[in-house]
N, C-alpha and C. Protein backbone atom coordinates (compact mmCIF):
# COMPACT_ATOMS: atom_id res chain seq x y z
N MET A 1 -49.82 -59.98 -8.85
CA MET A 1 -50.99 -60.48 -9.46
C MET A 1 -50.80 -62.03 -10.61
N SER A 2 -51.76 -62.72 -10.32
CA SER A 2 -51.59 -64.09 -10.63
C SER A 2 -51.91 -64.13 -12.45
N ILE A 3 -50.78 -65.48 -12.52
CA ILE A 3 -50.76 -65.49 -14.24
C ILE A 3 -52.13 -66.32 -14.36
N PRO A 4 -52.91 -65.56 -15.82
CA PRO A 4 -54.02 -65.87 -16.14
C PRO A 4 -53.55 -67.42 -16.78
N GLN A 5 -54.85 -68.08 -16.59
CA GLN A 5 -54.88 -69.48 -17.11
C GLN A 5 -55.73 -69.84 -17.96
N PRO A 6 -55.18 -70.93 -18.91
CA PRO A 6 -56.44 -71.44 -19.69
C PRO A 6 -58.12 -71.29 -19.36
N GLY A 7 -58.80 -70.54 -20.23
CA GLY A 7 -60.07 -70.43 -19.60
C GLY A 7 -60.59 -69.13 -19.21
N ASP A 8 -59.37 -68.47 -18.83
CA ASP A 8 -59.89 -66.79 -17.99
C ASP A 8 -59.85 -66.11 -19.18
N PRO A 9 -61.01 -65.21 -18.49
CA PRO A 9 -60.94 -63.81 -19.21
C PRO A 9 -59.28 -63.13 -19.57
N ALA A 10 -59.09 -62.80 -20.72
CA ALA A 10 -57.75 -62.11 -20.77
C ALA A 10 -57.84 -60.85 -20.40
N PRO A 11 -57.21 -60.52 -19.48
CA PRO A 11 -57.26 -59.04 -19.24
C PRO A 11 -57.09 -57.95 -20.30
N GLU A 12 -57.50 -56.75 -20.20
CA GLU A 12 -57.31 -55.94 -21.23
C GLU A 12 -56.02 -55.24 -21.67
N VAL A 13 -55.74 -55.24 -22.84
CA VAL A 13 -54.96 -54.39 -23.32
C VAL A 13 -55.32 -53.15 -23.88
N ALA A 14 -54.21 -52.08 -23.70
CA ALA A 14 -55.07 -50.64 -24.23
C ALA A 14 -53.47 -49.90 -24.11
N LEU A 15 -52.41 -50.52 -25.06
CA LEU A 15 -51.31 -49.67 -25.34
C LEU A 15 -50.88 -49.08 -26.50
N PRO A 16 -50.18 -48.21 -26.46
CA PRO A 16 -49.72 -47.54 -27.91
C PRO A 16 -48.64 -48.42 -28.63
N ASP A 17 -48.57 -48.31 -29.93
CA ASP A 17 -47.49 -48.59 -30.30
C ASP A 17 -46.81 -47.94 -30.98
N GLU A 18 -45.41 -47.78 -31.52
CA GLU A 18 -44.75 -46.71 -32.08
C GLU A 18 -45.02 -45.93 -32.21
N THR A 19 -45.84 -45.61 -33.36
CA THR A 19 -46.65 -44.24 -33.67
C THR A 19 -47.42 -43.79 -33.00
N GLY A 20 -47.90 -44.29 -31.85
CA GLY A 20 -48.73 -43.72 -30.86
C GLY A 20 -50.36 -44.28 -31.32
N THR A 21 -50.59 -44.99 -32.08
CA THR A 21 -51.49 -45.79 -32.22
C THR A 21 -51.91 -46.91 -31.05
N MET A 22 -53.23 -46.64 -30.26
CA MET A 22 -53.62 -47.62 -29.35
C MET A 22 -54.14 -49.03 -30.09
N HIS A 23 -53.72 -49.53 -29.28
CA HIS A 23 -54.14 -51.39 -29.43
C HIS A 23 -55.33 -51.67 -28.45
N ARG A 24 -56.10 -52.36 -28.92
CA ARG A 24 -56.86 -52.73 -27.52
C ARG A 24 -57.56 -53.96 -28.04
N LEU A 25 -57.05 -55.22 -26.80
CA LEU A 25 -57.55 -56.40 -27.08
C LEU A 25 -59.01 -56.75 -27.23
N SER A 26 -59.86 -56.09 -26.65
CA SER A 26 -61.19 -55.60 -26.95
C SER A 26 -61.54 -55.79 -28.68
N ASP A 27 -60.76 -54.86 -29.40
CA ASP A 27 -61.05 -54.83 -30.38
C ASP A 27 -60.70 -56.00 -31.35
N ARG A 28 -59.91 -56.78 -30.90
CA ARG A 28 -59.91 -58.20 -31.23
C ARG A 28 -60.77 -59.12 -31.46
N ARG A 29 -61.50 -59.25 -30.57
CA ARG A 29 -62.79 -60.25 -30.30
C ARG A 29 -62.94 -60.74 -32.14
N GLY A 30 -63.13 -61.82 -32.13
CA GLY A 30 -63.48 -62.58 -32.94
C GLY A 30 -61.95 -63.25 -33.78
N SER A 31 -60.67 -62.93 -33.25
CA SER A 31 -59.67 -63.19 -33.86
C SER A 31 -58.64 -63.60 -32.85
N TRP A 32 -57.57 -64.61 -33.20
CA TRP A 32 -56.73 -65.13 -32.37
C TRP A 32 -55.75 -63.96 -31.89
N THR A 33 -55.03 -63.84 -30.76
CA THR A 33 -53.90 -62.65 -30.60
C THR A 33 -53.34 -63.19 -29.85
N VAL A 34 -51.78 -63.27 -30.15
CA VAL A 34 -50.65 -63.80 -29.29
C VAL A 34 -49.99 -62.75 -28.87
N ILE A 35 -49.98 -62.46 -27.49
CA ILE A 35 -49.20 -61.72 -26.57
C ILE A 35 -48.05 -62.07 -25.66
N TYR A 36 -46.90 -61.34 -26.12
CA TYR A 36 -45.59 -62.09 -25.55
C TYR A 36 -45.14 -60.78 -24.90
N PHE A 37 -44.56 -60.97 -23.63
CA PHE A 37 -43.85 -59.94 -22.80
C PHE A 37 -42.41 -60.25 -22.92
N TYR A 38 -41.42 -58.88 -23.09
CA TYR A 38 -40.16 -59.55 -23.14
C TYR A 38 -39.77 -58.08 -22.43
N PRO A 39 -38.10 -58.26 -21.64
CA PRO A 39 -37.66 -57.18 -20.83
C PRO A 39 -37.39 -55.88 -21.78
N LYS A 40 -36.55 -56.25 -22.71
CA LYS A 40 -36.09 -54.84 -23.47
C LYS A 40 -35.58 -54.92 -24.43
N ASP A 41 -36.01 -54.03 -25.60
CA ASP A 41 -35.74 -54.11 -26.69
C ASP A 41 -34.04 -54.22 -26.78
N ASP A 42 -33.82 -54.92 -28.18
CA ASP A 42 -32.59 -54.80 -28.80
C ASP A 42 -31.24 -55.39 -28.05
N THR A 43 -31.79 -56.36 -26.71
CA THR A 43 -30.80 -57.07 -26.08
C THR A 43 -30.81 -58.89 -26.75
N PRO A 44 -29.65 -59.42 -26.03
CA PRO A 44 -29.83 -60.84 -26.66
C PRO A 44 -30.72 -61.46 -26.56
N GLY A 45 -31.63 -62.06 -25.52
CA GLY A 45 -32.81 -62.90 -25.76
C GLY A 45 -34.05 -62.39 -25.91
N CYS A 46 -34.08 -61.10 -26.05
CA CYS A 46 -35.42 -60.50 -26.66
C CYS A 46 -35.25 -60.38 -27.97
N THR A 47 -34.02 -60.17 -28.59
CA THR A 47 -33.59 -60.03 -30.10
C THR A 47 -33.80 -61.54 -30.48
N THR A 48 -33.32 -62.60 -30.19
CA THR A 48 -33.61 -63.94 -30.34
C THR A 48 -35.17 -64.26 -30.19
N GLU A 49 -36.04 -63.97 -29.30
CA GLU A 49 -37.40 -64.30 -29.08
C GLU A 49 -37.98 -63.33 -30.56
N ALA A 50 -38.08 -62.23 -30.77
CA ALA A 50 -38.82 -61.50 -31.57
C ALA A 50 -38.11 -61.77 -33.11
N CYS A 51 -37.01 -62.27 -33.49
CA CYS A 51 -36.54 -62.86 -34.70
C CYS A 51 -37.15 -64.42 -35.01
N GLY A 52 -37.49 -65.36 -33.75
CA GLY A 52 -37.86 -66.26 -34.05
C GLY A 52 -39.80 -65.69 -34.39
N PHE A 53 -40.34 -64.75 -33.63
CA PHE A 53 -41.83 -64.46 -34.05
C PHE A 53 -41.71 -63.91 -35.37
N ARG A 54 -40.58 -63.40 -35.81
CA ARG A 54 -40.29 -62.64 -37.14
C ARG A 54 -40.46 -63.71 -38.14
N ASP A 55 -39.62 -64.54 -38.25
CA ASP A 55 -39.59 -65.67 -38.82
C ASP A 55 -40.76 -66.54 -39.25
N LEU A 56 -41.85 -66.66 -38.14
CA LEU A 56 -42.82 -67.61 -38.28
C LEU A 56 -44.10 -66.52 -38.26
N HIS A 57 -44.09 -65.21 -38.56
CA HIS A 57 -44.91 -64.18 -39.10
C HIS A 57 -45.93 -64.95 -39.47
N SER A 58 -45.38 -65.16 -40.91
CA SER A 58 -46.54 -65.60 -41.90
C SER A 58 -47.07 -66.69 -41.85
N ASP A 59 -46.34 -67.60 -41.13
CA ASP A 59 -47.37 -68.87 -40.49
C ASP A 59 -48.25 -68.40 -39.50
N ILE A 60 -47.80 -67.46 -38.65
CA ILE A 60 -49.09 -67.19 -37.49
C ILE A 60 -50.18 -66.65 -38.11
N SER A 61 -49.60 -65.41 -38.76
CA SER A 61 -50.77 -64.52 -39.30
C SER A 61 -51.69 -65.51 -40.38
N GLY A 62 -50.84 -66.39 -41.02
CA GLY A 62 -51.67 -67.25 -41.71
C GLY A 62 -52.93 -68.10 -41.19
N GLN A 63 -52.94 -68.06 -40.05
CA GLN A 63 -53.67 -68.69 -39.06
C GLN A 63 -54.67 -68.06 -38.66
N GLY A 64 -54.63 -66.65 -38.84
CA GLY A 64 -55.43 -65.48 -38.43
C GLY A 64 -55.12 -64.73 -37.06
N ALA A 65 -53.90 -64.90 -36.75
CA ALA A 65 -53.37 -64.26 -35.55
C ALA A 65 -52.70 -63.18 -35.52
N GLU A 66 -52.60 -62.25 -34.98
CA GLU A 66 -51.75 -61.11 -34.82
C GLU A 66 -51.00 -61.34 -33.53
N ILE A 67 -49.48 -60.73 -33.59
CA ILE A 67 -48.52 -61.15 -32.84
C ILE A 67 -48.53 -59.57 -31.90
N TRP A 68 -48.66 -59.50 -30.75
CA TRP A 68 -48.19 -58.33 -30.11
C TRP A 68 -47.20 -58.55 -29.11
N GLY A 69 -45.93 -57.76 -29.21
CA GLY A 69 -44.99 -57.88 -28.40
C GLY A 69 -44.98 -56.92 -27.37
N ILE A 70 -45.29 -56.86 -25.95
CA ILE A 70 -45.15 -55.79 -25.03
C ILE A 70 -43.94 -55.77 -23.96
N SER A 71 -43.50 -54.49 -24.05
CA SER A 71 -42.31 -54.24 -23.06
C SER A 71 -42.58 -52.93 -22.53
N PRO A 72 -41.69 -52.70 -21.42
CA PRO A 72 -41.73 -51.58 -20.96
C PRO A 72 -40.82 -50.15 -21.56
N ASP A 73 -40.28 -50.67 -22.73
CA ASP A 73 -39.77 -49.30 -23.73
C ASP A 73 -40.75 -48.60 -24.06
N GLY A 74 -39.88 -47.23 -24.62
CA GLY A 74 -40.90 -46.28 -25.45
C GLY A 74 -40.84 -46.88 -26.55
N SER A 75 -41.85 -45.91 -27.52
CA SER A 75 -41.83 -45.66 -28.54
C SER A 75 -40.77 -45.81 -29.47
N GLY A 76 -39.81 -44.79 -29.21
CA GLY A 76 -38.14 -44.41 -29.85
C GLY A 76 -37.87 -45.92 -30.24
N ALA A 77 -37.36 -46.64 -28.87
CA ALA A 77 -37.03 -48.07 -29.01
C ALA A 77 -37.23 -49.00 -29.64
N HIS A 78 -38.98 -49.43 -29.32
CA HIS A 78 -39.57 -49.99 -30.55
C HIS A 78 -39.59 -49.93 -31.65
N ALA A 79 -39.57 -48.49 -32.29
CA ALA A 79 -39.10 -48.32 -33.66
C ALA A 79 -37.90 -48.30 -34.15
N ALA A 80 -36.89 -48.28 -33.52
CA ALA A 80 -35.36 -48.65 -33.75
C ALA A 80 -35.24 -49.78 -33.59
N PHE A 81 -35.96 -50.87 -32.84
CA PHE A 81 -35.96 -52.37 -32.71
C PHE A 81 -36.46 -53.00 -34.00
N ARG A 82 -37.70 -52.34 -34.40
CA ARG A 82 -38.69 -53.03 -35.51
C ARG A 82 -37.84 -52.89 -37.12
N ALA A 83 -37.37 -51.59 -37.03
CA ALA A 83 -36.54 -51.64 -38.15
C ALA A 83 -34.99 -52.48 -38.18
N LYS A 84 -34.45 -52.32 -37.27
CA LYS A 84 -32.99 -52.75 -37.24
C LYS A 84 -33.33 -54.20 -37.58
N TYR A 85 -34.11 -55.47 -37.09
CA TYR A 85 -34.41 -56.46 -37.10
C TYR A 85 -35.67 -56.80 -38.25
N GLY A 86 -36.54 -56.00 -39.11
CA GLY A 86 -37.41 -56.20 -39.93
C GLY A 86 -38.34 -56.82 -39.19
N LEU A 87 -38.95 -56.52 -37.92
CA LEU A 87 -40.18 -57.32 -37.38
C LEU A 87 -41.45 -56.96 -37.90
N PRO A 88 -42.30 -57.59 -38.34
CA PRO A 88 -43.44 -57.12 -39.25
C PRO A 88 -44.57 -57.17 -38.28
N PHE A 89 -44.63 -57.20 -36.99
CA PHE A 89 -45.68 -57.30 -36.01
C PHE A 89 -45.48 -56.06 -34.80
N THR A 90 -46.24 -56.19 -34.14
CA THR A 90 -46.57 -54.87 -33.48
C THR A 90 -46.19 -55.01 -32.21
N LEU A 91 -45.41 -54.11 -31.62
CA LEU A 91 -45.06 -53.90 -30.51
C LEU A 91 -45.45 -52.61 -29.56
N LEU A 92 -45.85 -53.15 -28.82
CA LEU A 92 -46.73 -52.13 -27.73
C LEU A 92 -45.84 -51.63 -26.63
N SER A 93 -46.19 -50.16 -26.15
CA SER A 93 -45.10 -49.70 -25.07
C SER A 93 -46.09 -49.65 -23.34
N ASP A 94 -45.52 -50.47 -22.35
CA ASP A 94 -46.28 -50.64 -21.33
C ASP A 94 -45.25 -49.94 -20.22
N GLU A 95 -45.05 -48.50 -20.76
CA GLU A 95 -44.11 -48.22 -19.66
C GLU A 95 -44.24 -47.84 -18.25
N ASP A 96 -45.71 -48.17 -17.93
CA ASP A 96 -45.81 -47.82 -16.47
C ASP A 96 -46.25 -49.73 -15.92
N HIS A 97 -45.80 -50.45 -16.91
CA HIS A 97 -46.33 -51.84 -16.49
C HIS A 97 -47.49 -52.40 -16.10
N ALA A 98 -48.45 -51.38 -16.09
CA ALA A 98 -49.75 -52.19 -15.76
C ALA A 98 -50.23 -53.35 -16.34
N VAL A 99 -50.17 -53.29 -17.47
CA VAL A 99 -50.85 -54.39 -18.36
C VAL A 99 -49.98 -55.76 -18.21
N ALA A 100 -48.02 -55.71 -17.96
CA ALA A 100 -47.62 -56.66 -17.29
C ALA A 100 -48.18 -57.29 -16.25
N GLU A 101 -48.43 -56.07 -15.31
CA GLU A 101 -49.19 -56.55 -13.76
C GLU A 101 -50.50 -57.43 -13.91
N ALA A 102 -50.81 -56.90 -14.82
CA ALA A 102 -52.40 -57.62 -14.90
C ALA A 102 -52.25 -59.20 -15.52
N TYR A 103 -50.83 -59.22 -16.12
CA TYR A 103 -51.20 -60.75 -16.72
C TYR A 103 -49.90 -61.38 -15.90
N GLY A 104 -49.23 -60.92 -14.96
CA GLY A 104 -48.37 -61.71 -13.85
C GLY A 104 -47.00 -61.83 -14.76
N ALA A 105 -46.60 -60.45 -15.26
CA ALA A 105 -45.48 -60.37 -15.84
C ALA A 105 -44.62 -59.97 -15.38
N TRP A 106 -45.15 -58.97 -14.59
CA TRP A 106 -44.17 -58.31 -14.06
C TRP A 106 -44.06 -58.77 -12.59
N ARG A 107 -42.73 -59.20 -12.08
CA ARG A 107 -42.73 -59.76 -11.28
C ARG A 107 -41.22 -59.90 -10.60
N GLU A 108 -41.11 -60.10 -9.50
CA GLU A 108 -39.40 -60.34 -8.89
C GLU A 108 -38.52 -60.93 -9.36
N LYS A 109 -37.32 -60.63 -9.94
CA LYS A 109 -36.37 -61.17 -10.49
C LYS A 109 -35.22 -61.02 -9.77
N THR A 110 -33.99 -61.77 -10.10
CA THR A 110 -32.70 -61.87 -9.51
C THR A 110 -31.72 -61.98 -10.44
N ASN A 111 -30.95 -61.27 -10.24
CA ASN A 111 -29.43 -61.15 -11.19
C ASN A 111 -28.31 -60.79 -10.55
N TYR A 112 -27.33 -61.38 -10.78
CA TYR A 112 -26.17 -61.35 -9.96
C TYR A 112 -26.41 -60.80 -8.61
N GLY A 113 -27.16 -61.70 -7.64
CA GLY A 113 -27.74 -61.36 -6.51
C GLY A 113 -28.21 -60.26 -6.08
N LYS A 114 -28.62 -59.61 -7.06
CA LYS A 114 -29.82 -58.38 -6.77
C LYS A 114 -31.15 -58.60 -7.33
N THR A 115 -32.05 -58.32 -6.18
CA THR A 115 -33.49 -58.34 -6.28
C THR A 115 -34.05 -57.54 -6.91
N TYR A 116 -35.10 -57.66 -7.95
CA TYR A 116 -35.31 -56.15 -8.25
C TYR A 116 -36.92 -56.65 -9.08
N MET A 117 -37.73 -55.95 -9.53
CA MET A 117 -38.92 -55.93 -10.19
C MET A 117 -38.72 -55.64 -11.76
N GLY A 118 -38.95 -56.78 -12.56
CA GLY A 118 -39.26 -56.83 -13.66
C GLY A 118 -40.08 -57.62 -14.50
N ILE A 119 -40.03 -57.23 -15.97
CA ILE A 119 -40.68 -58.33 -16.84
C ILE A 119 -40.49 -59.72 -16.63
N GLY A 120 -40.95 -60.89 -16.21
CA GLY A 120 -40.61 -62.30 -16.72
C GLY A 120 -41.32 -62.35 -18.28
N ARG A 121 -40.35 -63.06 -18.46
CA ARG A 121 -40.90 -63.24 -19.91
C ARG A 121 -41.69 -64.22 -20.28
N SER A 122 -42.83 -64.11 -20.66
CA SER A 122 -43.83 -64.69 -20.81
C SER A 122 -45.19 -64.52 -21.77
N SER A 123 -45.97 -65.47 -22.20
CA SER A 123 -46.59 -65.51 -23.49
C SER A 123 -47.94 -66.25 -23.05
N PHE A 124 -48.85 -65.27 -23.86
CA PHE A 124 -50.04 -66.05 -23.96
C PHE A 124 -50.80 -65.70 -25.18
N LEU A 125 -51.72 -67.16 -25.62
CA LEU A 125 -52.52 -66.95 -26.44
C LEU A 125 -53.87 -66.85 -26.26
N VAL A 126 -54.35 -65.91 -26.71
CA VAL A 126 -55.83 -65.49 -26.58
C VAL A 126 -56.69 -65.46 -27.89
N GLY A 127 -57.75 -66.41 -27.44
CA GLY A 127 -59.06 -66.79 -28.41
C GLY A 127 -59.88 -66.00 -28.69
N PRO A 128 -60.36 -66.26 -29.77
CA PRO A 128 -61.56 -64.97 -30.56
C PRO A 128 -62.50 -64.73 -29.20
N ASP A 129 -62.86 -65.63 -28.65
CA ASP A 129 -63.82 -65.06 -27.73
C ASP A 129 -63.36 -64.13 -26.09
N GLY A 130 -62.04 -64.31 -26.13
CA GLY A 130 -61.70 -63.18 -25.05
C GLY A 130 -61.07 -64.14 -23.99
N THR A 131 -60.50 -65.23 -24.25
CA THR A 131 -59.94 -66.16 -23.04
C THR A 131 -58.95 -66.56 -23.01
N VAL A 132 -58.17 -66.88 -22.48
CA VAL A 132 -56.62 -67.14 -22.72
C VAL A 132 -57.03 -68.86 -23.12
N ALA A 133 -56.07 -69.03 -23.79
CA ALA A 133 -56.28 -70.38 -24.52
C ALA A 133 -54.94 -71.40 -24.26
N ARG A 134 -53.98 -70.54 -24.04
CA ARG A 134 -52.85 -71.03 -23.55
C ARG A 134 -51.75 -70.29 -22.82
N THR A 135 -51.16 -70.71 -21.79
CA THR A 135 -49.90 -69.89 -21.14
C THR A 135 -48.80 -69.98 -21.04
N TRP A 136 -47.75 -69.49 -21.38
CA TRP A 136 -46.32 -70.05 -20.94
C TRP A 136 -45.83 -69.00 -19.69
N ALA A 137 -45.31 -69.24 -18.85
CA ALA A 137 -45.17 -68.55 -17.65
C ALA A 137 -43.59 -67.68 -17.56
N ASN A 138 -42.93 -69.14 -18.20
CA ASN A 138 -41.56 -68.79 -17.93
C ASN A 138 -40.68 -69.68 -19.08
N VAL A 139 -40.62 -68.38 -20.34
CA VAL A 139 -40.04 -68.90 -21.93
C VAL A 139 -39.00 -68.74 -21.77
N LYS A 140 -38.59 -69.55 -22.50
CA LYS A 140 -36.96 -69.19 -23.19
C LYS A 140 -36.82 -69.33 -24.35
N ALA A 141 -36.33 -68.02 -24.55
CA ALA A 141 -36.54 -67.19 -26.31
C ALA A 141 -36.22 -68.06 -27.12
N GLU A 142 -35.22 -69.11 -27.21
CA GLU A 142 -34.97 -70.03 -28.36
C GLU A 142 -36.19 -70.79 -28.83
N GLY A 143 -36.59 -70.82 -29.72
CA GLY A 143 -37.64 -71.96 -29.82
C GLY A 143 -39.14 -71.47 -29.56
N HIS A 144 -39.24 -70.43 -28.92
CA HIS A 144 -40.66 -70.12 -28.42
C HIS A 144 -41.49 -69.96 -29.49
N ALA A 145 -41.19 -68.99 -30.35
CA ALA A 145 -42.13 -69.09 -31.61
C ALA A 145 -42.55 -69.98 -32.30
N GLU A 146 -42.01 -70.91 -32.23
CA GLU A 146 -42.34 -72.20 -33.03
C GLU A 146 -43.39 -73.02 -31.80
N GLU A 147 -42.87 -73.14 -30.37
CA GLU A 147 -43.97 -73.28 -29.64
C GLU A 147 -45.64 -72.97 -29.77
N VAL A 148 -45.41 -71.56 -29.85
CA VAL A 148 -46.78 -70.87 -30.26
C VAL A 148 -47.24 -71.04 -31.16
N ARG A 149 -46.48 -71.05 -32.33
CA ARG A 149 -47.13 -71.47 -33.45
C ARG A 149 -47.89 -72.76 -33.71
N ALA A 150 -47.33 -73.78 -33.20
CA ALA A 150 -48.16 -75.09 -32.62
C ALA A 150 -49.17 -75.18 -31.77
N ALA A 151 -49.08 -74.39 -30.78
CA ALA A 151 -50.22 -74.00 -29.92
C ALA A 151 -51.34 -73.74 -30.78
N LEU A 152 -51.09 -72.41 -31.45
CA LEU A 152 -52.10 -72.02 -32.10
C LEU A 152 -52.86 -72.77 -33.13
N GLU A 153 -52.10 -73.44 -33.93
CA GLU A 153 -52.71 -74.67 -34.94
C GLU A 153 -53.47 -75.54 -34.04
N GLU A 154 -53.14 -76.08 -32.71
CA GLU A 154 -53.81 -77.33 -31.82
C GLU A 154 -54.91 -76.68 -31.77
N ALA A 155 -55.07 -75.33 -30.95
CA ALA A 155 -56.33 -74.54 -30.24
C ALA A 155 -56.93 -74.41 -31.74
N ARG A 156 -56.69 -73.95 -32.63
CA ARG A 156 -57.50 -73.75 -34.10
C ARG A 156 -58.14 -74.69 -34.60
N ALA A 157 -57.49 -75.96 -34.25
CA ALA A 157 -57.77 -77.38 -34.77
C ALA A 157 -58.94 -78.07 -33.73
N GLY A 158 -58.86 -77.43 -32.54
CA GLY A 158 -59.88 -77.71 -31.41
C GLY A 158 -59.41 -79.09 -30.24
N ARG A 159 -57.78 -78.92 -30.68
CA ARG A 159 -56.97 -80.04 -30.04
C ARG A 159 -56.71 -79.72 -28.59
N PRO A 160 -56.59 -80.27 -27.60
CA PRO A 160 -55.90 -79.93 -26.21
C PRO A 160 -54.44 -79.49 -26.39
N GLY A 161 -53.91 -78.67 -25.75
CA GLY A 161 -52.73 -78.18 -26.09
C GLY A 161 -51.81 -78.77 -24.69
């Protein structure tokens, strides 16, 4: 599946958090949503990225946006990850990776010469109209939350990113 680009309709998200509560992107119409895909809870890169979003959570939520982290991990792993690092935002379980596929985040990866399918770290800023405002296809965990915060600020001000 191709990666949605700015101006494209954002694919629907309907996934449970660690308590089983369903979160639907369609319910966020009228508000900004940051969706970031990450490979696995409590691993070095994913922890760096999540803690970056944690540290900027008040700035991002203060601009009217919610942060949704999505990985194939189940509810137990998400609950432990949130508790261990004090993550104040929503983590969603995409165990069959259908949503990741719709966003082009489920893709071929290579590690130590082995090729396999997995989550490619990527993020999307979804606008109040339900379209993608910004896409990051190959994210580096360090400093990414700041990039997202700045892009949200630009998008809210109507400046091109």
